[in-house]
Amino acid sequence: MCYGYNKKTGDYFIDGHGDDTTIVDFRREGNVLITKHNDMTGSSVDSSPMVTKKVPLSKLIAKYYSTPQQKAKVDDLANKLLDQQQYHAKVNAASKGEN
């Protein structure tokens, strides 16, 4: 997985494995996180609508980041995220059999 910044939209994103079905765009507006992702209800990526959700940060914190175990899990996952350059280098190395 990797993360990055889309200069065109001003949103950040997390990409699960390099295709449009696994990309989640997000941005913070005050105390709200706004996410956008493809809901995959159509017959293809192109025919599936994008879904926008607004979630208060306090709700996310209460649900996913309130216990020491949750914090450790979230922090561990965040530390495993690669930036785009690292991700592409890893993919290229794997395709050449260097991994």
N, C-alpha and C. Protein backbone atom coordinates (compact mmCIF):
# COMPACT_ATOMS: atom_id res chain seq x y z
N MET A 1 0.84 -1.17 0.00
CA MET A 1 0.00 0.00 0.00
C MET A 1 0.89 1.24 0.00
N CYS A 2 0.36 2.29 -0.61
CA CYS A 2 1.11 3.53 -0.60
C CYS A 2 0.16 4.70 -0.35
N TYR A 3 0.76 5.84 -0.10
CA TYR A 3 -0.01 7.06 0.11
C TYR A 3 0.60 8.15 -0.76
N GLY A 4 -0.18 9.18 -0.99
CA GLY A 4 0.33 10.29 -1.78
C GLY A 4 -0.60 11.48 -1.72
N TYR A 5 -0.30 12.46 -2.55
CA TYR A 5 -1.06 13.70 -2.60
C TYR A 5 -1.40 13.99 -4.05
N ASN A 6 -2.67 14.26 -4.33
CA ASN A 6 -3.13 14.57 -5.67
C ASN A 6 -3.18 16.09 -5.81
N LYS A 7 -2.24 16.66 -6.55
CA LYS A 7 -2.15 18.12 -6.71
C LYS A 7 -3.38 18.68 -7.42
N LYS A 8 -3.99 17.90 -8.30
CA LYS A 8 -5.16 18.37 -9.05
C LYS A 8 -6.37 18.58 -8.15
N THR A 9 -6.59 17.66 -7.22
CA THR A 9 -7.79 17.73 -6.37
C THR A 9 -7.51 18.32 -5.00
N GLY A 10 -6.24 18.30 -4.60
CA GLY A 10 -5.90 18.75 -3.25
C GLY A 10 -6.19 17.71 -2.19
N ASP A 11 -6.47 16.48 -2.62
CA ASP A 11 -6.75 15.39 -1.69
C ASP A 11 -5.51 14.51 -1.52
N TYR A 12 -5.45 13.85 -0.39
CA TYR A 12 -4.47 12.80 -0.17
C TYR A 12 -5.12 11.49 -0.58
N PHE A 13 -4.34 10.44 -0.72
CA PHE A 13 -4.94 9.15 -1.05
C PHE A 13 -4.13 8.02 -0.46
N ILE A 14 -4.81 6.90 -0.29
CA ILE A 14 -4.18 5.63 0.04
C ILE A 14 -4.56 4.69 -1.09
N ASP A 15 -3.56 3.98 -1.62
CA ASP A 15 -3.76 3.07 -2.74
C ASP A 15 -3.41 1.67 -2.27
N GLY A 16 -4.38 0.77 -2.30
CA GLY A 16 -4.17 -0.58 -1.80
C GLY A 16 -3.26 -1.43 -2.65
N HIS A 17 -3.38 -1.36 -3.97
CA HIS A 17 -2.47 -2.13 -4.81
C HIS A 17 -2.42 -1.67 -6.26
N GLY A 18 -2.67 -0.40 -6.51
CA GLY A 18 -2.38 0.14 -7.83
C GLY A 18 -3.50 0.19 -8.84
N ASP A 19 -4.73 -0.11 -8.45
CA ASP A 19 -5.81 0.08 -9.42
C ASP A 19 -6.92 0.91 -8.78
N ASP A 20 -7.84 1.37 -9.62
CA ASP A 20 -8.87 2.30 -9.16
C ASP A 20 -9.82 1.73 -8.12
N THR A 21 -9.87 0.42 -7.98
CA THR A 21 -10.78 -0.19 -7.00
C THR A 21 -10.27 -0.09 -5.59
N THR A 22 -9.00 0.21 -5.41
CA THR A 22 -8.43 0.21 -4.07
C THR A 22 -7.97 1.59 -3.60
N ILE A 23 -8.29 2.61 -4.36
CA ILE A 23 -7.86 3.97 -3.99
C ILE A 23 -8.94 4.65 -3.15
N VAL A 24 -8.52 5.22 -2.04
CA VAL A 24 -9.40 6.03 -1.20
C VAL A 24 -8.78 7.42 -1.12
N ASP A 25 -9.51 8.41 -1.64
CA ASP A 25 -9.09 9.81 -1.51
C ASP A 25 -9.63 10.35 -0.20
N PHE A 26 -8.88 11.24 0.43
CA PHE A 26 -9.37 11.82 1.67
C PHE A 26 -8.78 13.20 1.90
N ARG A 27 -9.51 13.97 2.67
CA ARG A 27 -9.02 15.27 3.11
C ARG A 27 -9.71 15.61 4.43
N ARG A 28 -9.05 16.47 5.17
CA ARG A 28 -9.60 16.90 6.45
C ARG A 28 -10.13 18.32 6.29
N GLU A 29 -11.33 18.51 6.76
CA GLU A 29 -11.93 19.84 6.80
C GLU A 29 -12.36 20.08 8.24
N GLY A 30 -11.55 20.85 8.95
CA GLY A 30 -11.83 21.07 10.37
C GLY A 30 -11.74 19.77 11.13
N ASN A 31 -12.81 19.41 11.79
CA ASN A 31 -12.85 18.17 12.59
C ASN A 31 -13.57 17.03 11.87
N VAL A 32 -13.61 17.11 10.54
CA VAL A 32 -14.30 16.09 9.74
C VAL A 32 -13.33 15.52 8.71
N LEU A 33 -13.37 14.20 8.54
CA LEU A 33 -12.60 13.54 7.49
C LEU A 33 -13.57 13.25 6.35
N ILE A 34 -13.20 13.67 5.15
CA ILE A 34 -14.02 13.43 3.97
C ILE A 34 -13.29 12.41 3.11
N THR A 35 -13.95 11.29 2.83
CA THR A 35 -13.36 10.24 2.00
C THR A 35 -14.17 10.06 0.73
N LYS A 36 -13.48 9.58 -0.31
CA LYS A 36 -14.15 9.29 -1.57
C LYS A 36 -13.54 8.00 -2.12
N HIS A 37 -14.41 7.07 -2.52
CA HIS A 37 -13.93 5.81 -3.09
C HIS A 37 -14.96 5.26 -4.07
N ASN A 38 -14.52 4.36 -4.93
CA ASN A 38 -15.39 3.71 -5.89
C ASN A 38 -16.17 2.64 -5.16
N ASP A 39 -17.49 2.62 -5.33
CA ASP A 39 -18.27 1.64 -4.55
C ASP A 39 -18.42 0.28 -5.24
N MET A 40 -17.95 0.15 -6.48
CA MET A 40 -17.93 -1.11 -7.22
C MET A 40 -19.29 -1.80 -7.31
N THR A 41 -20.36 -1.02 -7.45
CA THR A 41 -21.68 -1.61 -7.61
C THR A 41 -22.06 -1.77 -9.08
N GLY A 42 -21.29 -1.16 -9.98
CA GLY A 42 -21.57 -1.29 -11.41
C GLY A 42 -20.90 -2.53 -11.98
N SER A 43 -21.01 -2.67 -13.28
CA SER A 43 -20.41 -3.83 -13.94
C SER A 43 -18.92 -3.66 -14.16
N SER A 44 -18.40 -2.45 -13.94
CA SER A 44 -16.98 -2.18 -14.08
C SER A 44 -16.60 -1.00 -13.20
N VAL A 45 -15.31 -0.71 -13.12
CA VAL A 45 -14.86 0.45 -12.35
C VAL A 45 -15.46 1.72 -12.94
N ASP A 46 -15.44 1.82 -14.27
CA ASP A 46 -15.95 3.02 -14.93
C ASP A 46 -17.44 3.25 -14.72
N SER A 47 -18.20 2.17 -14.58
CA SER A 47 -19.65 2.33 -14.43
C SER A 47 -20.08 2.38 -12.96
N SER A 48 -19.14 2.26 -12.04
CA SER A 48 -19.46 2.32 -10.61
C SER A 48 -19.29 3.75 -10.11
N PRO A 49 -20.23 4.19 -9.28
CA PRO A 49 -20.14 5.57 -8.80
C PRO A 49 -19.10 5.75 -7.70
N MET A 50 -18.64 6.97 -7.59
CA MET A 50 -17.77 7.36 -6.48
C MET A 50 -18.68 7.72 -5.31
N VAL A 51 -18.31 7.29 -4.13
CA VAL A 51 -19.08 7.55 -2.92
C VAL A 51 -18.26 8.48 -2.02
N THR A 52 -18.90 9.54 -1.57
CA THR A 52 -18.25 10.47 -0.65
C THR A 52 -18.87 10.31 0.73
N LYS A 53 -18.03 10.21 1.74
CA LYS A 53 -18.50 10.09 3.12
C LYS A 53 -17.82 11.15 3.97
N LYS A 54 -18.56 11.68 4.92
CA LYS A 54 -18.02 12.64 5.89
C LYS A 54 -18.17 12.03 7.27
N VAL A 55 -17.03 11.93 7.98
CA VAL A 55 -17.04 11.30 9.30
C VAL A 55 -16.32 12.21 10.28
N PRO A 56 -16.96 12.52 11.41
CA PRO A 56 -16.26 13.31 12.43
C PRO A 56 -15.02 12.57 12.93
N LEU A 57 -13.92 13.29 13.08
CA LEU A 57 -12.70 12.67 13.58
C LEU A 57 -12.92 12.03 14.95
N SER A 58 -13.73 12.66 15.77
CA SER A 58 -14.00 12.11 17.10
C SER A 58 -14.63 10.72 17.02
N LYS A 59 -15.46 10.48 16.02
CA LYS A 59 -16.08 9.17 15.84
C LYS A 59 -15.02 8.13 15.43
N LEU A 60 -14.13 8.51 14.53
CA LEU A 60 -13.06 7.60 14.11
C LEU A 60 -12.13 7.27 15.28
N ILE A 61 -11.77 8.29 16.05
CA ILE A 61 -10.89 8.08 17.20
C ILE A 61 -11.55 7.15 18.21
N ALA A 62 -12.82 7.39 18.50
CA ALA A 62 -13.52 6.55 19.48
C ALA A 62 -13.63 5.11 19.00
N LYS A 63 -13.83 4.92 17.69
CA LYS A 63 -14.03 3.57 17.17
C LYS A 63 -12.72 2.82 16.92
N TYR A 64 -11.67 3.52 16.48
CA TYR A 64 -10.46 2.84 16.03
C TYR A 64 -9.17 3.22 16.75
N TYR A 65 -9.21 4.22 17.63
CA TYR A 65 -7.95 4.71 18.20
C TYR A 65 -8.08 5.12 19.66
N SER A 66 -8.81 4.33 20.43
CA SER A 66 -9.01 4.72 21.82
C SER A 66 -8.32 3.81 22.82
N THR A 67 -8.08 2.56 22.47
CA THR A 67 -7.39 1.66 23.40
C THR A 67 -5.91 1.54 23.00
N PRO A 68 -5.07 1.14 23.92
CA PRO A 68 -3.65 0.95 23.56
C PRO A 68 -3.47 -0.06 22.42
N GLN A 69 -4.29 -1.12 22.40
CA GLN A 69 -4.20 -2.12 21.34
C GLN A 69 -4.59 -1.52 19.98
N GLN A 70 -5.65 -0.72 19.95
CA GLN A 70 -6.05 -0.08 18.70
C GLN A 70 -4.98 0.89 18.21
N LYS A 71 -4.45 1.67 19.14
CA LYS A 71 -3.40 2.63 18.76
C LYS A 71 -2.19 1.90 18.19
N ALA A 72 -1.81 0.80 18.80
CA ALA A 72 -0.65 0.04 18.32
C ALA A 72 -0.92 -0.51 16.93
N LYS A 73 -2.13 -1.03 16.70
CA LYS A 73 -2.46 -1.58 15.38
C LYS A 73 -2.47 -0.50 14.31
N VAL A 74 -3.12 0.62 14.58
CA VAL A 74 -3.18 1.72 13.61
C VAL A 74 -1.79 2.27 13.34
N ASP A 75 -1.01 2.47 14.38
CA ASP A 75 0.34 2.99 14.21
C ASP A 75 1.21 2.02 13.41
N ASP A 76 1.06 0.73 13.66
CA ASP A 76 1.82 -0.28 12.91
C ASP A 76 1.45 -0.24 11.43
N LEU A 77 0.16 -0.18 11.14
CA LEU A 77 -0.28 -0.11 9.74
C LEU A 77 0.21 1.18 9.07
N ALA A 78 0.13 2.28 9.77
CA ALA A 78 0.59 3.56 9.21
C ALA A 78 2.09 3.52 8.92
N ASN A 79 2.85 2.88 9.78
CA ASN A 79 4.29 2.78 9.57
C ASN A 79 4.65 1.90 8.37
N LYS A 80 3.74 1.04 7.95
CA LYS A 80 3.99 0.16 6.81
C LYS A 80 3.65 0.82 5.47
N LEU A 81 2.93 1.94 5.51
CA LEU A 81 2.59 2.63 4.27
C LEU A 81 3.85 3.17 3.61
N LEU A 82 3.94 3.03 2.31
CA LEU A 82 5.05 3.55 1.55
C LEU A 82 4.61 4.80 0.81
N ASP A 83 5.54 5.73 0.59
CA ASP A 83 5.17 6.84 -0.28
C ASP A 83 5.22 6.33 -1.72
N GLN A 84 4.75 7.12 -2.67
CA GLN A 84 4.65 6.66 -4.05
C GLN A 84 5.99 6.20 -4.61
N GLN A 85 7.03 6.93 -4.33
CA GLN A 85 8.35 6.59 -4.85
C GLN A 85 8.81 5.23 -4.30
N GLN A 86 8.64 5.03 -3.01
CA GLN A 86 9.03 3.75 -2.39
C GLN A 86 8.19 2.61 -2.97
N TYR A 87 6.89 2.86 -3.15
CA TYR A 87 5.99 1.84 -3.68
C TYR A 87 6.39 1.42 -5.09
N HIS A 88 6.63 2.40 -5.95
CA HIS A 88 7.00 2.09 -7.33
C HIS A 88 8.35 1.36 -7.39
N ALA A 89 9.29 1.74 -6.54
CA ALA A 89 10.58 1.04 -6.50
C ALA A 89 10.38 -0.41 -6.08
N LYS A 90 9.51 -0.65 -5.11
CA LYS A 90 9.24 -2.01 -4.65
C LYS A 90 8.57 -2.84 -5.75
N VAL A 91 7.61 -2.25 -6.44
CA VAL A 91 6.92 -2.95 -7.53
C VAL A 91 7.90 -3.28 -8.65
N ASN A 92 8.74 -2.31 -9.01
CA ASN A 92 9.73 -2.53 -10.07
C ASN A 92 10.71 -3.63 -9.69
N ALA A 93 11.16 -3.61 -8.44
CA ALA A 93 12.10 -4.63 -7.97
C ALA A 93 11.44 -6.01 -8.01
N ALA A 94 10.18 -6.09 -7.60
CA ALA A 94 9.47 -7.37 -7.61
C ALA A 94 9.27 -7.89 -9.02
N SER A 95 9.01 -6.99 -9.96
CA SER A 95 8.80 -7.42 -11.34
C SER A 95 10.10 -7.90 -11.99
N LYS A 96 11.23 -7.46 -11.45
CA LYS A 96 12.54 -7.90 -11.96
C LYS A 96 13.08 -9.08 -11.16
N GLY A 97 12.30 -9.55 -10.20
CA GLY A 97 12.74 -10.68 -9.38
C GLY A 97 13.77 -10.32 -8.33
N GLU A 98 13.84 -9.06 -7.96
CA GLU A 98 14.83 -8.61 -6.97
C GLU A 98 14.32 -8.72 -5.55
N ASN A 99 13.09 -9.10 -5.37
CA ASN A 99 12.53 -9.13 -4.03
C ASN A 99 12.56 -10.47 -3.40
